[in-house]
Each structure stands twice: as C-alpha cells, then as structure tokens.
Amino acid sequence: MLKKTYLEKQGVCMVTFNVKFEGASKVELVGEWNNWIPEVMKRKRDGSFWITKRLKKGREYRFRYLIDGHLWENDSQADRYVPNPYGSMDSVVIC
C-alpha cells in the first residue's frame, strides 16, 4: 500500500511504502530516487514492512521491492507499471 502526504509549501510528497510478503525475513525498497540503492524496510509486528520516503512533488519514480536479497516484486498498489530493460516491469509512484 502506498500512502501519500503532500507538503505543499516544501514541494514534497511523503510516501509511505507498506507491504507484506509471506515468509519474507528482509525486504528492501529499491528506486530511482537514489540510483537503485537498496534501503532496508522496517518490520512491523504483523509481519509487514514499511519505509517512508521524502520525494519531490510533480515527478514519477520507478521502484521495486527486493525480498531476502534475491526475489524482485512490484507493489500491487502502484500508480502504474512500466517496462524495464531487464524484461520485466517496474512499479511507479506519482507524486
């Protein structure tokens, strides 16, 4: 699930990424806002994972989740999906 909060005066969109992958012990958010460097998501008691990112308003950002260091997944609640150079799709969040 993607939750967006806009800080109009700052031109910022706060996006909280919240996902649950059964059996996952580690989930990382990977996106083009930081050159696809994996960021470890925090784990909740219910087994879901979350992270909040401060992104520039008025832009689109590609992203994916890296599960346990080897499995790539998209977000089922992404604003849209676009093909990537590896033959699969990337999730997109629109701020």
N, C-alpha and C. Protein backbone atom coordinates (compact mmCIF):
# COMPACT_ATOMS: atom_id res chain seq x y z
N MET A 1 0.84 -1.17 0.00
CA MET A 1 0.00 0.00 0.00
C MET A 1 0.89 1.24 0.00
N LEU A 2 0.52 2.23 -0.78
CA LEU A 2 1.22 3.49 -0.84
C LEU A 2 0.35 4.57 -0.22
N LYS A 3 0.90 5.27 0.76
CA LYS A 3 0.18 6.38 1.37
C LYS A 3 0.98 7.64 1.10
N LYS A 4 0.32 8.65 0.51
CA LYS A 4 1.00 9.90 0.15
C LYS A 4 0.47 11.05 1.00
N THR A 5 1.40 11.88 1.45
CA THR A 5 1.07 13.11 2.15
C THR A 5 1.86 14.22 1.48
N TYR A 6 1.15 15.26 1.05
CA TYR A 6 1.81 16.35 0.34
C TYR A 6 2.12 17.51 1.29
N LEU A 7 3.36 17.98 1.25
CA LEU A 7 3.78 19.16 1.98
C LEU A 7 3.93 20.27 0.94
N GLU A 8 2.82 20.93 0.66
CA GLU A 8 2.74 21.88 -0.45
C GLU A 8 3.81 22.96 -0.40
N LYS A 9 4.02 23.58 0.74
CA LYS A 9 4.97 24.68 0.83
C LYS A 9 6.40 24.25 0.54
N GLN A 10 6.69 22.99 0.80
CA GLN A 10 8.05 22.47 0.59
C GLN A 10 8.21 21.78 -0.77
N GLY A 11 7.10 21.60 -1.49
CA GLY A 11 7.16 20.92 -2.78
C GLY A 11 7.53 19.46 -2.64
N VAL A 12 7.08 18.83 -1.53
CA VAL A 12 7.48 17.48 -1.19
C VAL A 12 6.26 16.57 -1.07
N CYS A 13 6.47 15.33 -1.43
CA CYS A 13 5.48 14.27 -1.25
C CYS A 13 6.09 13.21 -0.33
N MET A 14 5.51 13.02 0.83
CA MET A 14 5.95 11.97 1.76
C MET A 14 5.19 10.70 1.37
N VAL A 15 5.92 9.66 0.97
CA VAL A 15 5.30 8.41 0.55
C VAL A 15 5.69 7.32 1.53
N THR A 16 4.68 6.67 2.10
CA THR A 16 4.93 5.52 2.97
C THR A 16 4.62 4.26 2.17
N PHE A 17 5.63 3.43 2.02
CA PHE A 17 5.53 2.15 1.33
C PHE A 17 5.29 1.10 2.42
N ASN A 18 4.21 0.33 2.29
CA ASN A 18 3.85 -0.67 3.29
C ASN A 18 3.44 -1.95 2.56
N VAL A 19 4.19 -3.03 2.75
CA VAL A 19 3.92 -4.28 2.03
C VAL A 19 4.07 -5.48 2.96
N LYS A 20 3.46 -6.56 2.54
CA LYS A 20 3.59 -7.82 3.29
C LYS A 20 3.84 -8.94 2.29
N PHE A 21 4.94 -9.64 2.48
CA PHE A 21 5.28 -10.80 1.65
C PHE A 21 5.44 -11.97 2.60
N GLU A 22 4.56 -12.94 2.50
CA GLU A 22 4.56 -14.10 3.41
C GLU A 22 5.92 -14.79 3.40
N GLY A 23 6.45 -15.03 4.58
CA GLY A 23 7.70 -15.76 4.72
C GLY A 23 8.95 -14.93 4.54
N ALA A 24 8.81 -13.64 4.20
CA ALA A 24 9.98 -12.80 3.99
C ALA A 24 10.63 -12.45 5.32
N SER A 25 11.96 -12.52 5.36
CA SER A 25 12.67 -12.12 6.57
C SER A 25 13.28 -10.72 6.42
N LYS A 26 13.47 -10.28 5.17
CA LYS A 26 14.03 -8.95 4.91
C LYS A 26 13.45 -8.43 3.60
N VAL A 27 13.01 -7.18 3.61
CA VAL A 27 12.51 -6.53 2.40
C VAL A 27 13.22 -5.19 2.27
N GLU A 28 13.69 -4.92 1.06
CA GLU A 28 14.36 -3.65 0.77
C GLU A 28 13.59 -2.92 -0.33
N LEU A 29 13.50 -1.61 -0.19
CA LEU A 29 12.92 -0.76 -1.21
C LEU A 29 14.06 -0.29 -2.10
N VAL A 30 13.87 -0.41 -3.41
CA VAL A 30 14.90 -0.03 -4.38
C VAL A 30 14.22 0.88 -5.40
N GLY A 31 14.78 2.09 -5.60
CA GLY A 31 14.14 3.02 -6.51
C GLY A 31 15.10 3.97 -7.18
N GLU A 32 14.59 4.63 -8.20
CA GLU A 32 15.45 5.51 -8.98
C GLU A 32 15.77 6.83 -8.28
N TRP A 33 15.08 7.17 -7.19
CA TRP A 33 15.38 8.41 -6.47
C TRP A 33 16.77 8.41 -5.85
N ASN A 34 17.37 7.21 -5.67
CA ASN A 34 18.74 7.15 -5.11
C ASN A 34 19.63 6.19 -5.91
N ASN A 35 19.40 6.14 -7.22
CA ASN A 35 20.19 5.28 -8.12
C ASN A 35 20.06 3.80 -7.80
N TRP A 36 18.89 3.38 -7.35
CA TRP A 36 18.56 1.97 -7.14
C TRP A 36 19.40 1.32 -6.04
N ILE A 37 19.78 2.09 -5.05
CA ILE A 37 20.49 1.53 -3.89
C ILE A 37 19.46 0.98 -2.91
N PRO A 38 19.53 -0.32 -2.55
CA PRO A 38 18.53 -0.91 -1.65
C PRO A 38 18.52 -0.25 -0.27
N GLU A 39 17.30 -0.01 0.24
CA GLU A 39 17.11 0.55 1.56
C GLU A 39 16.27 -0.44 2.38
N VAL A 40 16.79 -0.86 3.50
CA VAL A 40 16.10 -1.86 4.33
C VAL A 40 14.83 -1.25 4.91
N MET A 41 13.73 -1.97 4.77
CA MET A 41 12.45 -1.54 5.32
C MET A 41 12.31 -2.07 6.75
N LYS A 42 11.58 -1.33 7.58
CA LYS A 42 11.36 -1.73 8.96
C LYS A 42 10.22 -2.75 9.02
N ARG A 43 10.35 -3.70 9.94
CA ARG A 43 9.36 -4.76 10.07
C ARG A 43 8.40 -4.44 11.22
N LYS A 44 7.10 -4.62 10.95
CA LYS A 44 6.07 -4.43 11.98
C LYS A 44 5.78 -5.78 12.64
N ARG A 45 5.08 -5.72 13.75
CA ARG A 45 4.72 -6.95 14.47
C ARG A 45 3.84 -7.88 13.65
N ASP A 46 3.04 -7.33 12.76
CA ASP A 46 2.16 -8.17 11.94
C ASP A 46 2.88 -8.84 10.77
N GLY A 47 4.20 -8.60 10.65
CA GLY A 47 4.98 -9.22 9.59
C GLY A 47 5.10 -8.37 8.33
N SER A 48 4.44 -7.22 8.29
CA SER A 48 4.56 -6.33 7.13
C SER A 48 5.82 -5.47 7.28
N PHE A 49 6.20 -4.82 6.20
CA PHE A 49 7.39 -3.99 6.16
C PHE A 49 7.00 -2.59 5.68
N TRP A 50 7.71 -1.57 6.20
CA TRP A 50 7.39 -0.21 5.80
C TRP A 50 8.63 0.68 5.80
N ILE A 51 8.50 1.76 5.02
CA ILE A 51 9.52 2.82 4.99
C ILE A 51 8.83 4.06 4.42
N THR A 52 9.23 5.23 4.89
CA THR A 52 8.69 6.48 4.36
C THR A 52 9.81 7.23 3.66
N LYS A 53 9.51 7.71 2.46
CA LYS A 53 10.48 8.46 1.65
C LYS A 53 9.94 9.86 1.39
N ARG A 54 10.85 10.80 1.39
CA ARG A 54 10.54 12.20 1.08
C ARG A 54 10.94 12.42 -0.38
N LEU A 55 9.94 12.58 -1.26
CA LEU A 55 10.19 12.68 -2.69
C LEU A 55 9.71 14.03 -3.22
N LYS A 56 10.33 14.46 -4.30
CA LYS A 56 9.98 15.74 -4.91
C LYS A 56 8.61 15.64 -5.58
N LYS A 57 7.74 16.60 -5.28
CA LYS A 57 6.39 16.63 -5.85
C LYS A 57 6.45 16.93 -7.35
N GLY A 58 5.49 16.38 -8.10
CA GLY A 58 5.40 16.64 -9.53
C GLY A 58 6.25 15.72 -10.39
N ARG A 59 6.74 14.64 -9.79
CA ARG A 59 7.57 13.68 -10.53
C ARG A 59 7.02 12.27 -10.41
N GLU A 60 7.51 11.40 -11.28
CA GLU A 60 7.21 9.97 -11.21
C GLU A 60 8.50 9.24 -10.89
N TYR A 61 8.39 8.20 -10.07
CA TYR A 61 9.56 7.44 -9.66
C TYR A 61 9.31 5.94 -9.85
N ARG A 62 10.26 5.27 -10.48
CA ARG A 62 10.22 3.81 -10.61
C ARG A 62 10.76 3.19 -9.33
N PHE A 63 10.20 2.04 -8.95
CA PHE A 63 10.70 1.34 -7.77
C PHE A 63 10.30 -0.12 -7.82
N ARG A 64 10.96 -0.92 -6.97
CA ARG A 64 10.64 -2.33 -6.78
C ARG A 64 11.04 -2.73 -5.36
N TYR A 65 10.60 -3.92 -4.96
CA TYR A 65 10.99 -4.48 -3.67
C TYR A 65 11.93 -5.65 -3.91
N LEU A 66 12.98 -5.74 -3.09
CA LEU A 66 13.92 -6.85 -3.14
C LEU A 66 13.72 -7.66 -1.86
N ILE A 67 13.26 -8.89 -2.02
CA ILE A 67 12.90 -9.73 -0.88
C ILE A 67 14.00 -10.75 -0.63
N ASP A 68 14.48 -10.77 0.61
CA ASP A 68 15.52 -11.70 1.05
C ASP A 68 16.74 -11.73 0.12
N GLY A 69 17.02 -10.58 -0.51
CA GLY A 69 18.22 -10.43 -1.30
C GLY A 69 18.22 -11.06 -2.67
N HIS A 70 17.09 -11.69 -3.10
CA HIS A 70 17.13 -12.35 -4.41
C HIS A 70 15.82 -12.32 -5.20
N LEU A 71 14.71 -12.00 -4.59
CA LEU A 71 13.41 -12.03 -5.28
C LEU A 71 12.90 -10.61 -5.48
N TRP A 72 12.65 -10.24 -6.74
CA TRP A 72 12.14 -8.90 -7.07
C TRP A 72 10.63 -8.94 -7.18
N GLU A 73 9.95 -7.97 -6.56
CA GLU A 73 8.49 -7.86 -6.63
C GLU A 73 8.08 -6.42 -6.86
N ASN A 74 6.91 -6.26 -7.46
CA ASN A 74 6.31 -4.94 -7.63
C ASN A 74 5.28 -4.70 -6.54
N ASP A 75 4.80 -3.48 -6.46
CA ASP A 75 3.77 -3.11 -5.50
C ASP A 75 2.41 -3.23 -6.18
N SER A 76 1.51 -4.00 -5.58
CA SER A 76 0.18 -4.21 -6.17
C SER A 76 -0.65 -2.93 -6.16
N GLN A 77 -0.25 -1.93 -5.39
CA GLN A 77 -0.97 -0.67 -5.30
C GLN A 77 -0.24 0.48 -6.01
N ALA A 78 0.72 0.16 -6.85
CA ALA A 78 1.47 1.20 -7.58
C ALA A 78 0.53 2.03 -8.44
N ASP A 79 0.92 3.26 -8.73
CA ASP A 79 0.11 4.13 -9.57
C ASP A 79 0.07 3.65 -11.02
N ARG A 80 1.14 3.01 -11.43
CA ARG A 80 1.19 2.37 -12.76
C ARG A 80 2.44 1.51 -12.83
N TYR A 81 2.62 0.84 -13.97
CA TYR A 81 3.77 -0.05 -14.18
C TYR A 81 4.36 0.27 -15.55
N VAL A 82 5.69 0.19 -15.63
CA VAL A 82 6.37 0.45 -16.90
C VAL A 82 7.42 -0.63 -17.13
N PRO A 83 7.67 -0.98 -18.39
CA PRO A 83 8.70 -1.99 -18.68
C PRO A 83 10.08 -1.49 -18.32
N ASN A 84 10.93 -2.41 -17.88
CA ASN A 84 12.33 -2.05 -17.60
C ASN A 84 13.24 -2.77 -18.59
N PRO A 85 14.53 -2.46 -18.63
CA PRO A 85 15.45 -3.06 -19.60
C PRO A 85 15.74 -4.54 -19.36
N TYR A 86 15.23 -5.11 -18.26
CA TYR A 86 15.52 -6.50 -17.92
C TYR A 86 14.40 -7.46 -18.29
N GLY A 87 13.41 -6.95 -19.03
CA GLY A 87 12.34 -7.81 -19.50
C GLY A 87 11.19 -7.98 -18.53
N SER A 88 11.18 -7.19 -17.46
CA SER A 88 10.07 -7.25 -16.51
C SER A 88 9.50 -5.84 -16.35
N MET A 89 8.71 -5.61 -15.34
CA MET A 89 8.06 -4.33 -15.13
C MET A 89 8.57 -3.69 -13.83
N ASP A 90 8.52 -2.37 -13.78
CA ASP A 90 8.80 -1.61 -12.57
C ASP A 90 7.50 -0.98 -12.10
N SER A 91 7.35 -0.87 -10.79
CA SER A 91 6.25 -0.10 -10.21
C SER A 91 6.58 1.38 -10.36
N VAL A 92 5.55 2.22 -10.39
CA VAL A 92 5.74 3.66 -10.46
C VAL A 92 4.86 4.32 -9.41
N VAL A 93 5.44 5.28 -8.68
CA VAL A 93 4.68 6.12 -7.77
C VAL A 93 4.71 7.52 -8.37
N ILE A 94 3.54 8.16 -8.44
CA ILE A 94 3.41 9.51 -8.97
C ILE A 94 3.19 10.46 -7.81
N CYS A 95 4.08 11.41 -7.67
CA CYS A 95 3.98 12.37 -6.55
C CYS A 95 3.38 13.69 -7.01
